[in-house]
Structures are given as C-alpha cells and as structure tokens.
Amino acid sequence: DARRAHPGLDVQTTVLGGGAGAAVAAYAVDVRAGLIVMGSRGHGGLT
C-alpha cells in the first residue's frame, strides 16, 4: 500500500522476535536508523 501511494519509496518489512521494546531498539542499531516512529500504545491482537 505504501509503495503504491508513494512510487519510488523503498519499503522493507521485518518480523522480529523477543521482547518488543528491546527488539525494536536492537533492530534500529543494526540498520543504523535515523528515526524510530511508533504509537504510544497499541493492542495485543496482532503482535
């Protein structure tokens, strides 16, 4: 959906395991992220 709305945008997806907060932070280290964006709260239904 993101690629269709913004042609040329490079979008990659990854499913992480482990504790959510630690996993996201560690992934950001691995890919040398410039910004992490996230919701303040979510739900337990999907992940």
ModelCIF file with pLDDT and N, C-alpha, C, O atoms, coordinates in Angstrom:
data_MODEL
#
_entry.id   MODEL 
#
_entity.id                         1 
_entity.type                       polymer 
_entity.pdbx_number_of_molecules   1 
#
_entity_poly.entity_id                      1 
_entity_poly.type                           'polypeptide(L)' 
_entity_poly.nstd_linkage                   no 
_entity_poly.nstd_monomer                   no 
_entity_poly.pdbx_seq_one_letter_code       DARRAHPGLDVQTTVLGGGAGAAVAAYAVDVRAGLIVMGSRGHGGLT 
_entity_poly.pdbx_seq_one_letter_code_can   DARRAHPGLDVQTTVLGGGAGAAVAAYAVDVRAGLIVMGSRGHGGLT 
_entity_poly.pdbx_strand_id                 A 
#
loop_
_entity_poly_seq.entity_id 
_entity_poly_seq.num 
_entity_poly_seq.mon_id 
_entity_poly_seq.hetero 
1 1  ASP n 
1 2  ALA n 
1 3  ARG n 
1 4  ARG n 
1 5  ALA n 
1 6  HIS n 
1 7  PRO n 
1 8  GLY n 
1 9  LEU n 
1 10 ASP n 
1 11 VAL n 
1 12 GLN n 
1 13 THR n 
1 14 THR n 
1 15 VAL n 
1 16 LEU n 
1 17 GLY n 
1 18 GLY n 
1 19 GLY n 
1 20 ALA n 
1 21 GLY n 
1 22 ALA n 
1 23 ALA n 
1 24 VAL n 
1 25 ALA n 
1 26 ALA n 
1 27 TYR n 
1 28 ALA n 
1 29 VAL n 
1 30 ASP n 
1 31 VAL n 
1 32 ARG n 
1 33 ALA n 
1 34 GLY n 
1 35 LEU n 
1 36 ILE n 
1 37 VAL n 
1 38 MET n 
1 39 GLY n 
1 40 SER n 
1 41 ARG n 
1 42 GLY n 
1 43 HIS n 
1 44 GLY n 
1 45 GLY n 
1 46 LEU n 
1 47 THR n 
#
_struct_asym.id          A 
_struct_asym.entity_id   1 
#
loop_
_ma_qa_metric.id 
_ma_qa_metric.mode 
_ma_qa_metric.name 
_ma_qa_metric.software_group_id 
_ma_qa_metric.type 
1 global pLDDT . pLDDT 
2 local  pLDDT . pLDDT 
#
_ma_qa_metric_global.metric_id      1 
_ma_qa_metric_global.metric_value   86.83 
_ma_qa_metric_global.model_id       1 
_ma_qa_metric_global.ordinal_id     1 
#
loop_
_ma_qa_metric_local.label_asym_id 
_ma_qa_metric_local.label_comp_id 
_ma_qa_metric_local.label_seq_id 
_ma_qa_metric_local.metric_id 
_ma_qa_metric_local.metric_value 
_ma_qa_metric_local.model_id 
_ma_qa_metric_local.ordinal_id 
A ASP 1  2 94.00 1 1  
A ALA 2  2 95.00 1 2  
A ARG 3  2 95.00 1 3  
A ARG 4  2 95.00 1 4  
A ALA 5  2 95.00 1 5  
A HIS 6  2 95.00 1 6  
A PRO 7  2 94.00 1 7  
A GLY 8  2 93.00 1 8  
A LEU 9  2 96.00 1 9  
A ASP 10 2 97.00 1 10 
A VAL 11 2 97.00 1 11 
A GLN 12 2 96.00 1 12 
A THR 13 2 96.00 1 13 
A THR 14 2 94.00 1 14 
A VAL 15 2 91.00 1 15 
A LEU 16 2 90.00 1 16 
A GLY 17 2 85.00 1 17 
A GLY 18 2 83.00 1 18 
A GLY 19 2 86.00 1 19 
A ALA 20 2 87.00 1 20 
A GLY 21 2 89.00 1 21 
A ALA 22 2 91.00 1 22 
A ALA 23 2 93.00 1 23 
A VAL 24 2 94.00 1 24 
A ALA 25 2 94.00 1 25 
A ALA 26 2 95.00 1 26 
A TYR 27 2 97.00 1 27 
A ALA 28 2 96.00 1 28 
A VAL 29 2 96.00 1 29 
A ASP 30 2 97.00 1 30 
A VAL 31 2 97.00 1 31 
A ARG 32 2 97.00 1 32 
A ALA 33 2 97.00 1 33 
A GLY 34 2 97.00 1 34 
A LEU 35 2 97.00 1 35 
A ILE 36 2 97.00 1 36 
A VAL 37 2 96.00 1 37 
A MET 38 2 92.00 1 38 
A GLY 39 2 89.00 1 39 
A SER 40 2 81.00 1 40 
A ARG 41 2 67.00 1 41 
A GLY 42 2 54.00 1 42 
A HIS 43 2 49.00 1 43 
A GLY 44 2 47.00 1 44 
A GLY 45 2 40.00 1 45 
A LEU 46 2 43.00 1 46 
A THR 47 2 45.00 1 47 
#
loop_
_atom_site.group_PDB 
_atom_site.id 
_atom_site.type_symbol 
_atom_site.label_atom_id 
_atom_site.label_alt_id 
_atom_site.label_comp_id 
_atom_site.label_asym_id 
_atom_site.label_entity_id 
_atom_site.label_seq_id 
_atom_site.pdbx_PDB_ins_code 
_atom_site.Cartn_x 
_atom_site.Cartn_y 
_atom_site.Cartn_z 
_atom_site.occupancy 
_atom_site.B_iso_or_equiv 
_atom_site.pdbx_formal_charge 
_atom_site.auth_seq_id 
_atom_site.auth_comp_id 
_atom_site.auth_asym_id 
_atom_site.auth_atom_id 
_atom_site.pdbx_PDB_model_num 
ATOM 1   N N  . ASP A 1 1  ? 0.831  -1.204  0.000  1.00 94.00 ? 1  ASP A N  1 
ATOM 2   C CA . ASP A 1 1  ? 0.000  0.000   0.000  1.00 94.00 ? 1  ASP A CA 1 
ATOM 3   C C  . ASP A 1 1  ? 0.867  1.255   0.000  1.00 94.00 ? 1  ASP A C  1 
ATOM 4   O O  . ASP A 1 1  ? 0.575  2.219   -0.708 1.00 94.00 ? 1  ASP A O  1 
ATOM 5   N N  . ALA A 1 2  ? 1.931  1.239   0.795  1.00 95.00 ? 2  ALA A N  1 
ATOM 6   C CA . ALA A 1 2  ? 2.821  2.398   0.873  1.00 95.00 ? 2  ALA A CA 1 
ATOM 7   C C  . ALA A 1 2  ? 3.540  2.631   -0.445 1.00 95.00 ? 2  ALA A C  1 
ATOM 8   O O  . ALA A 1 2  ? 3.721  3.773   -0.866 1.00 95.00 ? 2  ALA A O  1 
ATOM 9   N N  . ARG A 1 3  ? 3.952  1.550   -1.097 1.00 95.00 ? 3  ARG A N  1 
ATOM 10  C CA . ARG A 1 3  ? 4.658  1.687   -2.393 1.00 95.00 ? 3  ARG A CA 1 
ATOM 11  C C  . ARG A 1 3  ? 3.724  2.233   -3.464 1.00 95.00 ? 3  ARG A C  1 
ATOM 12  O O  . ARG A 1 3  ? 4.127  3.055   -4.287 1.00 95.00 ? 3  ARG A O  1 
ATOM 13  N N  . ARG A 1 4  ? 2.475  1.775   -3.453 1.00 95.00 ? 4  ARG A N  1 
ATOM 14  C CA . ARG A 1 4  ? 1.520  2.270   -4.447 1.00 95.00 ? 4  ARG A CA 1 
ATOM 15  C C  . ARG A 1 4  ? 1.246  3.762   -4.246 1.00 95.00 ? 4  ARG A C  1 
ATOM 16  O O  . ARG A 1 4  ? 1.136  4.517   -5.212 1.00 95.00 ? 4  ARG A O  1 
ATOM 17  N N  . ALA A 1 5  ? 1.136  4.176   -2.985 1.00 95.00 ? 5  ALA A N  1 
ATOM 18  C CA . ALA A 1 5  ? 0.847  5.581   -2.695 1.00 95.00 ? 5  ALA A CA 1 
ATOM 19  C C  . ALA A 1 5  ? 2.053  6.478   -2.925 1.00 95.00 ? 5  ALA A C  1 
ATOM 20  O O  . ALA A 1 5  ? 1.903  7.667   -3.209 1.00 95.00 ? 5  ALA A O  1 
ATOM 21  N N  . HIS A 1 6  ? 3.250  5.911   -2.804 1.00 95.00 ? 6  HIS A N  1 
ATOM 22  C CA . HIS A 1 6  ? 4.481  6.704   -2.956 1.00 95.00 ? 6  HIS A CA 1 
ATOM 23  C C  . HIS A 1 6  ? 5.472  5.938   -3.833 1.00 95.00 ? 6  HIS A C  1 
ATOM 24  O O  . HIS A 1 6  ? 6.408  5.323   -3.322 1.00 95.00 ? 6  HIS A O  1 
ATOM 25  N N  . PRO A 1 7  ? 5.270  5.973   -5.126 1.00 94.00 ? 7  PRO A N  1 
ATOM 26  C CA . PRO A 1 7  ? 6.170  5.268   -6.038 1.00 94.00 ? 7  PRO A CA 1 
ATOM 27  C C  . PRO A 1 7  ? 7.617  5.721   -5.825 1.00 94.00 ? 7  PRO A C  1 
ATOM 28  O O  . PRO A 1 7  ? 7.899  6.912   -5.691 1.00 94.00 ? 7  PRO A O  1 
ATOM 29  N N  . GLY A 1 8  ? 8.500  4.769   -5.798 1.00 93.00 ? 8  GLY A N  1 
ATOM 30  C CA . GLY A 1 8  ? 9.901  5.093   -5.586 1.00 93.00 ? 8  GLY A CA 1 
ATOM 31  C C  . GLY A 1 8  ? 10.345 4.958   -4.140 1.00 93.00 ? 8  GLY A C  1 
ATOM 32  O O  . GLY A 1 8  ? 11.544 4.913   -3.864 1.00 93.00 ? 8  GLY A O  1 
ATOM 33  N N  . LEU A 1 9  ? 9.395  4.892   -3.211 1.00 96.00 ? 9  LEU A N  1 
ATOM 34  C CA . LEU A 1 9  ? 9.749  4.715   -1.809 1.00 96.00 ? 9  LEU A CA 1 
ATOM 35  C C  . LEU A 1 9  ? 10.218 3.283   -1.569 1.00 96.00 ? 9  LEU A C  1 
ATOM 36  O O  . LEU A 1 9  ? 9.510  2.329   -1.890 1.00 96.00 ? 9  LEU A O  1 
ATOM 37  N N  . ASP A 1 10 ? 11.393 3.142   -1.014 1.00 97.00 ? 10 ASP A N  1 
ATOM 38  C CA . ASP A 1 10 ? 11.941 1.822   -0.692 1.00 97.00 ? 10 ASP A CA 1 
ATOM 39  C C  . ASP A 1 10 ? 11.361 1.371   0.642  1.00 97.00 ? 10 ASP A C  1 
ATOM 40  O O  . ASP A 1 10 ? 11.662 1.954   1.684  1.00 97.00 ? 10 ASP A O  1 
ATOM 41  N N  . VAL A 1 11 ? 10.526 0.327   0.611  1.00 97.00 ? 11 VAL A N  1 
ATOM 42  C CA . VAL A 1 11 ? 9.879  -0.166  1.827  1.00 97.00 ? 11 VAL A CA 1 
ATOM 43  C C  . VAL A 1 11 ? 10.331 -1.600  2.090  1.00 97.00 ? 11 VAL A C  1 
ATOM 44  O O  . VAL A 1 11 ? 10.226 -2.466  1.221  1.00 97.00 ? 11 VAL A O  1 
ATOM 45  N N  . GLN A 1 12 ? 10.829 -1.835  3.287  1.00 96.00 ? 12 GLN A N  1 
ATOM 46  C CA . GLN A 1 12 ? 11.249 -3.167  3.697  1.00 96.00 ? 12 GLN A CA 1 
ATOM 47  C C  . GLN A 1 12 ? 10.451 -3.587  4.924  1.00 96.00 ? 12 GLN A C  1 
ATOM 48  O O  . GLN A 1 12 ? 10.054 -2.749  5.734  1.00 96.00 ? 12 GLN A O  1 
ATOM 49  N N  . THR A 1 13 ? 10.222 -4.890  5.055  1.00 96.00 ? 13 THR A N  1 
ATOM 50  C CA . THR A 1 13 ? 9.461  -5.387  6.202  1.00 96.00 ? 13 THR A CA 1 
ATOM 51  C C  . THR A 1 13 ? 10.262 -6.466  6.926  1.00 96.00 ? 13 THR A C  1 
ATOM 52  O O  . THR A 1 13 ? 10.989 -7.246  6.310  1.00 96.00 ? 13 THR A O  1 
ATOM 53  N N  . THR A 1 14 ? 10.110 -6.489  8.243  1.00 94.00 ? 14 THR A N  1 
ATOM 54  C CA . THR A 1 14 ? 10.810 -7.475  9.059  1.00 94.00 ? 14 THR A CA 1 
ATOM 55  C C  . THR A 1 14 ? 9.942  -7.853  10.247 1.00 94.00 ? 14 THR A C  1 
ATOM 56  O O  . THR A 1 14 ? 9.378  -6.986  10.914 1.00 94.00 ? 14 THR A O  1 
ATOM 57  N N  . VAL A 1 15 ? 9.839  -9.147  10.508 1.00 91.00 ? 15 VAL A N  1 
ATOM 58  C CA . VAL A 1 15 ? 9.153  -9.648  11.692 1.00 91.00 ? 15 VAL A CA 1 
ATOM 59  C C  . VAL A 1 15 ? 10.216 -9.985  12.733 1.00 91.00 ? 15 VAL A C  1 
ATOM 60  O O  . VAL A 1 15 ? 11.103 -10.801 12.485 1.00 91.00 ? 15 VAL A O  1 
ATOM 61  N N  . LEU A 1 16 ? 10.120 -9.356  13.887 1.00 90.00 ? 16 LEU A N  1 
ATOM 62  C CA . LEU A 1 16 ? 11.093 -9.547  14.950 1.00 90.00 ? 16 LEU A CA 1 
ATOM 63  C C  . LEU A 1 16 ? 10.549 -10.470 16.022 1.00 90.00 ? 16 LEU A C  1 
ATOM 64  O O  . LEU A 1 16 ? 9.337  -10.646 16.147 1.00 90.00 ? 16 LEU A O  1 
ATOM 65  N N  . GLY A 1 17 ? 11.433 -11.049 16.781 1.00 85.00 ? 17 GLY A N  1 
ATOM 66  C CA . GLY A 1 17 ? 11.042 -11.896 17.898 1.00 85.00 ? 17 GLY A CA 1 
ATOM 67  C C  . GLY A 1 17 ? 11.612 -11.337 19.189 1.00 85.00 ? 17 GLY A C  1 
ATOM 68  O O  . GLY A 1 17 ? 12.481 -10.466 19.168 1.00 85.00 ? 17 GLY A O  1 
ATOM 69  N N  . GLY A 1 18 ? 11.120 -11.842 20.311 1.00 83.00 ? 18 GLY A N  1 
ATOM 70  C CA . GLY A 1 18 ? 11.622 -11.404 21.597 1.00 83.00 ? 18 GLY A CA 1 
ATOM 71  C C  . GLY A 1 18 ? 10.783 -10.307 22.200 1.00 83.00 ? 18 GLY A C  1 
ATOM 72  O O  . GLY A 1 18 ? 9.676  -10.032 21.736 1.00 83.00 ? 18 GLY A O  1 
ATOM 73  N N  . GLY A 1 19 ? 11.308 -9.679  23.237 1.00 86.00 ? 19 GLY A N  1 
ATOM 74  C CA . GLY A 1 19 ? 10.610 -8.572  23.869 1.00 86.00 ? 19 GLY A CA 1 
ATOM 75  C C  . GLY A 1 19 ? 10.495 -7.403  22.915 1.00 86.00 ? 19 GLY A C  1 
ATOM 76  O O  . GLY A 1 19 ? 11.470 -7.027  22.265 1.00 86.00 ? 19 GLY A O  1 
ATOM 77  N N  . ALA A 1 20 ? 9.301  -6.825  22.830 1.00 87.00 ? 20 ALA A N  1 
ATOM 78  C CA . ALA A 1 20 ? 9.027  -5.846  21.784 1.00 87.00 ? 20 ALA A CA 1 
ATOM 79  C C  . ALA A 1 20 ? 9.943  -4.635  21.845 1.00 87.00 ? 20 ALA A C  1 
ATOM 80  O O  . ALA A 1 20 ? 10.551 -4.277  20.836 1.00 87.00 ? 20 ALA A O  1 
ATOM 81  N N  . GLY A 1 21 ? 10.058 -3.989  23.014 1.00 89.00 ? 21 GLY A N  1 
ATOM 82  C CA . GLY A 1 21 ? 10.868 -2.784  23.111 1.00 89.00 ? 21 GLY A CA 1 
ATOM 83  C C  . GLY A 1 21 ? 12.319 -3.028  22.787 1.00 89.00 ? 21 GLY A C  1 
ATOM 84  O O  . GLY A 1 21 ? 12.921 -2.285  22.012 1.00 89.00 ? 21 GLY A O  1 
ATOM 85  N N  . ALA A 1 22 ? 12.887 -4.063  23.373 1.00 91.00 ? 22 ALA A N  1 
ATOM 86  C CA . ALA A 1 22 ? 14.289 -4.381  23.134 1.00 91.00 ? 22 ALA A CA 1 
ATOM 87  C C  . ALA A 1 22 ? 14.527 -4.766  21.680 1.00 91.00 ? 22 ALA A C  1 
ATOM 88  O O  . ALA A 1 22 ? 15.555 -4.415  21.101 1.00 91.00 ? 22 ALA A O  1 
ATOM 89  N N  . ALA A 1 23 ? 13.569 -5.493  21.088 1.00 93.00 ? 23 ALA A N  1 
ATOM 90  C CA . ALA A 1 23 ? 13.729 -5.947  19.697 1.00 93.00 ? 23 ALA A CA 1 
ATOM 91  C C  . ALA A 1 23 ? 13.733 -4.768  18.732 1.00 93.00 ? 23 ALA A C  1 
ATOM 92  O O  . ALA A 1 23 ? 14.553 -4.725  17.814 1.00 93.00 ? 23 ALA A O  1 
ATOM 93  N N  . VAL A 1 24 ? 12.828 -3.811  18.925 1.00 94.00 ? 24 VAL A N  1 
ATOM 94  C CA . VAL A 1 24 ? 12.778 -2.650  18.035 1.00 94.00 ? 24 VAL A CA 1 
ATOM 95  C C  . VAL A 1 24 ? 14.045 -1.809  18.169 1.00 94.00 ? 24 VAL A C  1 
ATOM 96  O O  . VAL A 1 24 ? 14.612 -1.375  17.166 1.00 94.00 ? 24 VAL A O  1 
ATOM 97  N N  . ALA A 1 25 ? 14.486 -1.581  19.395 1.00 94.00 ? 25 ALA A N  1 
ATOM 98  C CA . ALA A 1 25 ? 15.695 -0.786  19.612 1.00 94.00 ? 25 ALA A CA 1 
ATOM 99  C C  . ALA A 1 25 ? 16.919 -1.473  19.007 1.00 94.00 ? 25 ALA A C  1 
ATOM 100 O O  . ALA A 1 25 ? 17.758 -0.818  18.388 1.00 94.00 ? 25 ALA A O  1 
ATOM 101 N N  . ALA A 1 26 ? 17.021 -2.783  19.184 1.00 95.00 ? 26 ALA A N  1 
ATOM 102 C CA . ALA A 1 26 ? 18.163 -3.510  18.639 1.00 95.00 ? 26 ALA A CA 1 
ATOM 103 C C  . ALA A 1 26 ? 18.157 -3.492  17.114 1.00 95.00 ? 26 ALA A C  1 
ATOM 104 O O  . ALA A 1 26 ? 19.211 -3.384  16.486 1.00 95.00 ? 26 ALA A O  1 
ATOM 105 N N  . TYR A 1 27 ? 16.974 -3.597  16.520 1.00 97.00 ? 27 TYR A N  1 
ATOM 106 C CA . TYR A 1 27 ? 16.870 -3.542  15.066 1.00 97.00 ? 27 TYR A CA 1 
ATOM 107 C C  . TYR A 1 27 ? 17.339 -2.187  14.558 1.00 97.00 ? 27 TYR A C  1 
ATOM 108 O O  . TYR A 1 27 ? 18.027 -2.107  13.540 1.00 97.00 ? 27 TYR A O  1 
ATOM 109 N N  . ALA A 1 28 ? 16.970 -1.124  15.262 1.00 96.00 ? 28 ALA A N  1 
ATOM 110 C CA . ALA A 1 28 ? 17.392 0.217   14.863 1.00 96.00 ? 28 ALA A CA 1 
ATOM 111 C C  . ALA A 1 28 ? 18.910 0.348   14.887 1.00 96.00 ? 28 ALA A C  1 
ATOM 112 O O  . ALA A 1 28 ? 19.493 1.023   14.039 1.00 96.00 ? 28 ALA A O  1 
ATOM 113 N N  . VAL A 1 29 ? 19.540 -0.292  15.852 1.00 96.00 ? 29 VAL A N  1 
ATOM 114 C CA . VAL A 1 29 ? 21.007 -0.300  15.896 1.00 96.00 ? 29 VAL A CA 1 
ATOM 115 C C  . VAL A 1 29 ? 21.570 -1.004  14.674 1.00 96.00 ? 29 VAL A C  1 
ATOM 116 O O  . VAL A 1 29 ? 22.496 -0.505  14.035 1.00 96.00 ? 29 VAL A O  1 
ATOM 117 N N  . ASP A 1 30 ? 21.012 -2.162  14.350 1.00 97.00 ? 30 ASP A N  1 
ATOM 118 C CA . ASP A 1 30 ? 21.530 -2.976  13.246 1.00 97.00 ? 30 ASP A CA 1 
ATOM 119 C C  . ASP A 1 30 ? 21.446 -2.260  11.905 1.00 97.00 ? 30 ASP A C  1 
ATOM 120 O O  . ASP A 1 30 ? 22.353 -2.386  11.083 1.00 97.00 ? 30 ASP A O  1 
ATOM 121 N N  . VAL A 1 31 ? 20.371 -1.510  11.672 1.00 97.00 ? 31 VAL A N  1 
ATOM 122 C CA . VAL A 1 31 ? 20.185 -0.872  10.359 1.00 97.00 ? 31 VAL A CA 1 
ATOM 123 C C  . VAL A 1 31 ? 20.649 0.584   10.352 1.00 97.00 ? 31 VAL A C  1 
ATOM 124 O O  . VAL A 1 31 ? 20.504 1.276   9.345  1.00 97.00 ? 31 VAL A O  1 
ATOM 125 N N  . ARG A 1 32 ? 21.210 1.053   11.477 1.00 97.00 ? 32 ARG A N  1 
ATOM 126 C CA . ARG A 1 32 ? 21.688 2.440   11.596 1.00 97.00 ? 32 ARG A CA 1 
ATOM 127 C C  . ARG A 1 32 ? 20.549 3.425   11.302 1.00 97.00 ? 32 ARG A C  1 
ATOM 128 O O  . ARG A 1 32 ? 20.678 4.324   10.470 1.00 97.00 ? 32 ARG A O  1 
ATOM 129 N N  . ALA A 1 33 ? 19.454 3.229   11.998 1.00 97.00 ? 33 ALA A N  1 
ATOM 130 C CA . ALA A 1 33 ? 18.253 4.036   11.767 1.00 97.00 ? 33 ALA A CA 1 
ATOM 131 C C  . ALA A 1 33 ? 18.492 5.508   12.094 1.00 97.00 ? 33 ALA A C  1 
ATOM 132 O O  . ALA A 1 33 ? 19.273 5.844   12.985 1.00 97.00 ? 33 ALA A O  1 
ATOM 133 N N  . GLY A 1 34 ? 17.805 6.375   11.356 1.00 97.00 ? 34 GLY A N  1 
ATOM 134 C CA . GLY A 1 34 ? 17.850 7.800   11.629 1.00 97.00 ? 34 GLY A CA 1 
ATOM 135 C C  . GLY A 1 34 ? 16.677 8.260   12.460 1.00 97.00 ? 34 GLY A C  1 
ATOM 136 O O  . GLY A 1 34 ? 16.719 9.341   13.047 1.00 97.00 ? 34 GLY A O  1 
ATOM 137 N N  . LEU A 1 35 ? 15.614 7.443   12.522 1.00 97.00 ? 35 LEU A N  1 
ATOM 138 C CA . LEU A 1 35 ? 14.431 7.783   13.293 1.00 97.00 ? 35 LEU A CA 1 
ATOM 139 C C  . LEU A 1 35 ? 13.598 6.530   13.499 1.00 97.00 ? 35 LEU A C  1 
ATOM 140 O O  . LEU A 1 35 ? 13.436 5.721   12.586 1.00 97.00 ? 35 LEU A O  1 
ATOM 141 N N  . ILE A 1 36 ? 13.068 6.377   14.714 1.00 97.00 ? 36 ILE A N  1 
ATOM 142 C CA . ILE A 1 36 ? 12.076 5.346   15.008 1.00 97.00 ? 36 ILE A CA 1 
ATOM 143 C C  . ILE A 1 36 ? 10.744 6.045   15.228 1.00 97.00 ? 36 ILE A C  1 
ATOM 144 O O  . ILE A 1 36 ? 10.671 7.025   15.970 1.00 97.00 ? 36 ILE A O  1 
ATOM 145 N N  . VAL A 1 37 ? 9.689  5.547   14.588 1.00 96.00 ? 37 VAL A N  1 
ATOM 146 C CA . VAL A 1 37 ? 8.350  6.102   14.764 1.00 96.00 ? 37 VAL A CA 1 
ATOM 147 C C  . VAL A 1 37 ? 7.460  5.005   15.327 1.00 96.00 ? 37 VAL A C  1 
ATOM 148 O O  . VAL A 1 37 ? 7.463  3.883   14.821 1.00 96.00 ? 37 VAL A O  1 
ATOM 149 N N  . MET A 1 38 ? 6.705  5.314   16.359 1.00 92.00 ? 38 MET A N  1 
ATOM 150 C CA . MET A 1 38 ? 5.845  4.302   16.952 1.00 92.00 ? 38 MET A CA 1 
ATOM 151 C C  . MET A 1 38 ? 4.675  4.958   17.682 1.00 92.00 ? 38 MET A C  1 
ATOM 152 O O  . MET A 1 38 ? 4.723  6.137   18.034 1.00 92.00 ? 38 MET A O  1 
ATOM 153 N N  . GLY A 1 39 ? 3.627  4.170   17.899 1.00 89.00 ? 39 GLY A N  1 
ATOM 154 C CA . GLY A 1 39 ? 2.494  4.641   18.666 1.00 89.00 ? 39 GLY A CA 1 
ATOM 155 C C  . GLY A 1 39 ? 2.809  4.593   20.147 1.00 89.00 ? 39 GLY A C  1 
ATOM 156 O O  . GLY A 1 39 ? 3.640  3.800   20.589 1.00 89.00 ? 39 GLY A O  1 
ATOM 157 N N  . SER A 1 40 ? 2.141  5.448   20.917 1.00 81.00 ? 40 SER A N  1 
ATOM 158 C CA . SER A 1 40 ? 2.375  5.443   22.362 1.00 81.00 ? 40 SER A CA 1 
ATOM 159 C C  . SER A 1 40 ? 1.787  4.198   23.011 1.00 81.00 ? 40 SER A C  1 
ATOM 160 O O  . SER A 1 40 ? 2.298  3.700   24.015 1.00 81.00 ? 40 SER A O  1 
ATOM 161 N N  . ARG A 1 41 ? 0.697  3.702   22.415 1.00 67.00 ? 41 ARG A N  1 
ATOM 162 C CA . ARG A 1 41 ? 0.071  2.471   22.902 1.00 67.00 ? 41 ARG A CA 1 
ATOM 163 C C  . ARG A 1 41 ? -0.522 1.718   21.725 1.00 67.00 ? 41 ARG A C  1 
ATOM 164 O O  . ARG A 1 41 ? -0.885 2.320   20.714 1.00 67.00 ? 41 ARG A O  1 
ATOM 165 N N  . GLY A 1 42 ? -0.621 0.414   21.854 1.00 54.00 ? 42 GLY A N  1 
ATOM 166 C CA . GLY A 1 42 ? -1.202 -0.403  20.806 1.00 54.00 ? 42 GLY A CA 1 
ATOM 167 C C  . GLY A 1 42 ? -2.154 -1.403  21.410 1.00 54.00 ? 42 GLY A C  1 
ATOM 168 O O  . GLY A 1 42 ? -2.838 -1.101  22.387 1.00 54.00 ? 42 GLY A O  1 
ATOM 169 N N  . HIS A 1 43 ? -2.206 -2.587  20.843 1.00 49.00 ? 43 HIS A N  1 
ATOM 170 C CA . HIS A 1 43 ? -3.054 -3.624  21.415 1.00 49.00 ? 43 HIS A CA 1 
ATOM 171 C C  . HIS A 1 43 ? -2.363 -4.967  21.271 1.00 49.00 ? 43 HIS A C  1 
ATOM 172 O O  . HIS A 1 43 ? -1.314 -5.073  20.636 1.00 49.00 ? 43 HIS A O  1 
ATOM 173 N N  . GLY A 1 44 ? -2.943 -5.964  21.850 1.00 47.00 ? 44 GLY A N  1 
ATOM 174 C CA . GLY A 1 44 ? -2.332 -7.276  21.825 1.00 47.00 ? 44 GLY A CA 1 
ATOM 175 C C  . GLY A 1 44 ? -2.885 -8.188  20.756 1.00 47.00 ? 44 GLY A C  1 
ATOM 176 O O  . GLY A 1 44 ? -2.511 -9.359  20.689 1.00 47.00 ? 44 GLY A O  1 
ATOM 177 N N  . GLY A 1 45 ? -3.775 -7.674  19.912 1.00 40.00 ? 45 GLY A N  1 
ATOM 178 C CA . GLY A 1 45 ? -4.447 -8.546  18.971 1.00 40.00 ? 45 GLY A CA 1 
ATOM 179 C C  . GLY A 1 45 ? -3.543 -9.119  17.908 1.00 40.00 ? 45 GLY A C  1 
ATOM 180 O O  . GLY A 1 45 ? -3.593 -10.320 17.643 1.00 40.00 ? 45 GLY A O  1 
ATOM 181 N N  . LEU A 1 46 ? -2.701 -8.280  17.281 1.00 43.00 ? 46 LEU A N  1 
ATOM 182 C CA . LEU A 1 46 ? -1.879 -8.770  16.179 1.00 43.00 ? 46 LEU A CA 1 
ATOM 183 C C  . LEU A 1 46 ? -0.531 -9.252  16.672 1.00 43.00 ? 46 LEU A C  1 
ATOM 184 O O  . LEU A 1 46 ? -0.150 -10.400 16.440 1.00 43.00 ? 46 LEU A O  1 
ATOM 185 N N  . THR A 1 47 ? 0.193  -8.371  17.356 1.00 45.00 ? 47 THR A N  1 
ATOM 186 C CA . THR A 1 47 ? 1.536  -8.771  17.771 1.00 45.00 ? 47 THR A CA 1 
ATOM 187 C C  . THR A 1 47 ? 1.817  -8.486  19.230 1.00 45.00 ? 47 THR A C  1 
ATOM 188 O O  . THR A 1 47 ? 2.911  -8.773  19.716 1.00 45.00 ? 47 THR A O  1 
#
